[in-house]
């Protein structure tokens, strides 16, 4: 079960973060709409995995070629972003 802050984090991460913004940089920090730091990629990796379906291995810099194109497409399903990915 998620706390209300975690639920809010889930919505913000799900809605506004593009997949390449999660997997490409070594470090990513997340902030709420009122500029409160939610955490970074490392501290939120399990939540990021649960929200996006992206394996922790990939979030930690693993090789994309270890995953099929179909698996990678699944990471984009149901996502809402401001711009097309």
C-alpha atoms as a PDB file:
ATOM      1  CA  UNK A   1       0.000   0.000   0.000  1.00  0.00           C
ATOM      2  CA  UNK A   2       1.256   3.449  -0.845  1.00  0.00           C
ATOM      3  CA  UNK A   3       1.133   6.494   1.383  1.00  0.00           C
ATOM      4  CA  UNK A   4      -0.583   9.617   0.060  1.00  0.00           C
ATOM      5  CA  UNK A   5       2.821  11.136  -0.732  1.00  0.00           C
ATOM      6  CA  UNK A   6       3.808   8.013  -2.610  1.00  0.00           C
ATOM      7  CA  UNK A   7       0.521   8.035  -4.518  1.00  0.00           C
ATOM      8  CA  UNK A   8       1.174  11.617  -5.474  1.00  0.00           C
ATOM      9  CA  UNK A   9       4.720  10.677  -6.506  1.00  0.00           C
ATOM     10  CA  UNK A  10       3.341   7.847  -8.640  1.00  0.00           C
ATOM     11  CA  UNK A  11       1.085  10.255 -10.525  1.00  0.00           C
ATOM     12  CA  UNK A  12       3.806  12.807 -11.121  1.00  0.00           C
ATOM     13  CA  UNK A  13       6.399  10.292 -12.217  1.00  0.00           C
ATOM     14  CA  UNK A  14       3.929   8.406 -14.399  1.00  0.00           C
ATOM     15  CA  UNK A  15       2.475  11.471 -16.015  1.00  0.00           C
ATOM     16  CA  UNK A  16       5.402  13.723 -16.676  1.00  0.00           C
ATOM     17  CA  UNK A  17       8.526  11.625 -17.039  1.00  0.00           C
ATOM     18  CA  UNK A  18       9.490  10.223 -20.417  1.00  0.00           C
ATOM     19  CA  UNK A  19      11.145   6.822 -20.505  1.00  0.00           C
ATOM     20  CA  UNK A  20      14.402   8.117 -21.976  1.00  0.00           C
ATOM     21  CA  UNK A  21      14.585  10.642 -19.126  1.00  0.00           C
ATOM     22  CA  UNK A  22      14.565   7.723 -16.677  1.00  0.00           C
ATOM     23  CA  UNK A  23      17.001   5.377 -18.342  1.00  0.00           C
ATOM     24  CA  UNK A  24      19.524   7.614 -20.117  1.00  0.00           C
ATOM     25  CA  UNK A  25      20.999   9.793 -17.356  1.00  0.00           C
ATOM     26  CA  UNK A  26      23.004   8.273 -14.548  1.00  0.00           C
ATOM     27  CA  UNK A  27      21.300  10.556 -12.025  1.00  0.00           C
ATOM     28  CA  UNK A  28      17.785  12.037 -12.041  1.00  0.00           C
ATOM     29  CA  UNK A  29      16.105  14.018  -9.277  1.00  0.00           C
ATOM     30  CA  UNK A  30      12.340  14.297  -8.882  1.00  0.00           C
ATOM     31  CA  UNK A  31      10.508  17.329  -7.510  1.00  0.00           C
ATOM     32  CA  UNK A  32       6.852  17.963  -6.758  1.00  0.00           C
ATOM     33  CA  UNK A  33       4.929  20.741  -8.475  1.00  0.00           C
ATOM     34  CA  UNK A  34       5.601  22.889  -5.396  1.00  0.00           C
ATOM     35  CA  UNK A  35       9.385  22.305  -5.683  1.00  0.00           C
ATOM     36  CA  UNK A  36       9.660  19.759  -2.866  1.00  0.00           C
ATOM     37  CA  UNK A  37      12.328  17.138  -3.561  1.00  0.00           C
ATOM     38  CA  UNK A  38      10.735  13.697  -3.820  1.00  0.00           C
ATOM     39  CA  UNK A  39      13.975  11.778  -4.247  1.00  0.00           C
ATOM     40  CA  UNK A  40      16.406  10.674  -6.900  1.00  0.00           C
ATOM     41  CA  UNK A  41      16.555   7.809  -9.359  1.00  0.00           C
ATOM     42  CA  UNK A  42      18.493   5.617  -6.949  1.00  0.00           C
ATOM     43  CA  UNK A  43      16.320   6.233  -3.877  1.00  0.00           C
ATOM     44  CA  UNK A  44      13.098   5.802  -5.885  1.00  0.00           C
ATOM     45  CA  UNK A  45      14.239   2.921  -8.131  1.00  0.00           C
ATOM     46  CA  UNK A  46      11.774   0.360  -6.737  1.00  0.00           C
ATOM     47  CA  UNK A  47       8.874   2.798  -7.047  1.00  0.00           C
ATOM     48  CA  UNK A  48       9.995   3.773 -10.550  1.00  0.00           C
ATOM     49  CA  UNK A  49      10.050   0.091 -11.496  1.00  0.00           C
ATOM     50  CA  UNK A  50       6.558  -0.486 -10.051  1.00  0.00           C
ATOM     51  CA  UNK A  51       5.137   2.615 -11.742  1.00  0.00           C
ATOM     52  CA  UNK A  52       6.743   2.239 -15.158  1.00  0.00           C
ATOM     53  CA  UNK A  53       7.462  -1.478 -15.439  1.00  0.00           C
ATOM     54  CA  UNK A  54      11.056  -0.647 -16.388  1.00  0.00           C
ATOM     55  CA  UNK A  55      13.315  -3.284 -14.811  1.00  0.00           C
ATOM     56  CA  UNK A  56      15.588  -2.054 -12.016  1.00  0.00           C
ATOM     57  CA  UNK A  57      18.516  -3.428 -14.055  1.00  0.00           C
ATOM     58  CA  UNK A  58      17.767  -0.840 -16.766  1.00  0.00           C
ATOM     59  CA  UNK A  59      17.261   1.975 -14.258  1.00  0.00           C
ATOM     60  CA  UNK A  60      20.735   1.133 -12.937  1.00  0.00           C
ATOM     61  CA  UNK A  61      22.260   1.460 -16.406  1.00  0.00           C
ATOM     62  CA  UNK A  62      21.820  -2.058 -17.781  1.00  0.00           C
ATOM     63  CA  UNK A  63      21.905  -2.713 -21.501  1.00  0.00           C
ATOM     64  CA  UNK A  64      18.677  -2.236 -23.445  1.00  0.00           C
ATOM     65  CA  UNK A  65      19.664  -4.964 -25.886  1.00  0.00           C
ATOM     66  CA  UNK A  66      19.159  -7.475 -23.055  1.00  0.00           C
ATOM     67  CA  UNK A  67      15.406  -6.831 -23.490  1.00  0.00           C
ATOM     68  CA  UNK A  68      13.308  -7.488 -26.558  1.00  0.00           C
ATOM     69  CA  UNK A  69      11.678  -4.700 -28.516  1.00  0.00           C
ATOM     70  CA  UNK A  70       8.298  -6.011 -27.323  1.00  0.00           C
ATOM     71  CA  UNK A  71       9.386  -5.758 -23.668  1.00  0.00           C
ATOM     72  CA  UNK A  72      10.620  -2.203 -24.230  1.00  0.00           C
ATOM     73  CA  UNK A  73       7.356  -1.219 -25.934  1.00  0.00           C
ATOM     74  CA  UNK A  74       5.473  -2.532 -22.904  1.00  0.00           C
ATOM     75  CA  UNK A  75       7.240   0.046 -20.750  1.00  0.00           C
ATOM     76  CA  UNK A  76       5.432   2.773 -22.726  1.00  0.00           C
ATOM     77  CA  UNK A  77       1.930   1.294 -22.457  1.00  0.00           C
ATOM     78  CA  UNK A  78      -0.554   3.387 -20.518  1.00  0.00           C
ATOM     79  CA  UNK A  79       1.845   6.283 -20.133  1.00  0.00           C
ATOM     80  CA  UNK A  80       0.768   9.891 -20.396  1.00  0.00           C
ATOM     81  CA  UNK A  81       3.347  12.532 -21.263  1.00  0.00           C
ATOM     82  CA  UNK A  82       3.080  16.104 -22.427  1.00  0.00           C
ATOM     83  CA  UNK A  83       4.992  15.266 -25.600  1.00  0.00           C
ATOM     84  CA  UNK A  84       5.079  12.124 -27.687  1.00  0.00           C
ATOM     85  CA  UNK A  85       7.886   9.708 -26.771  1.00  0.00           C
END
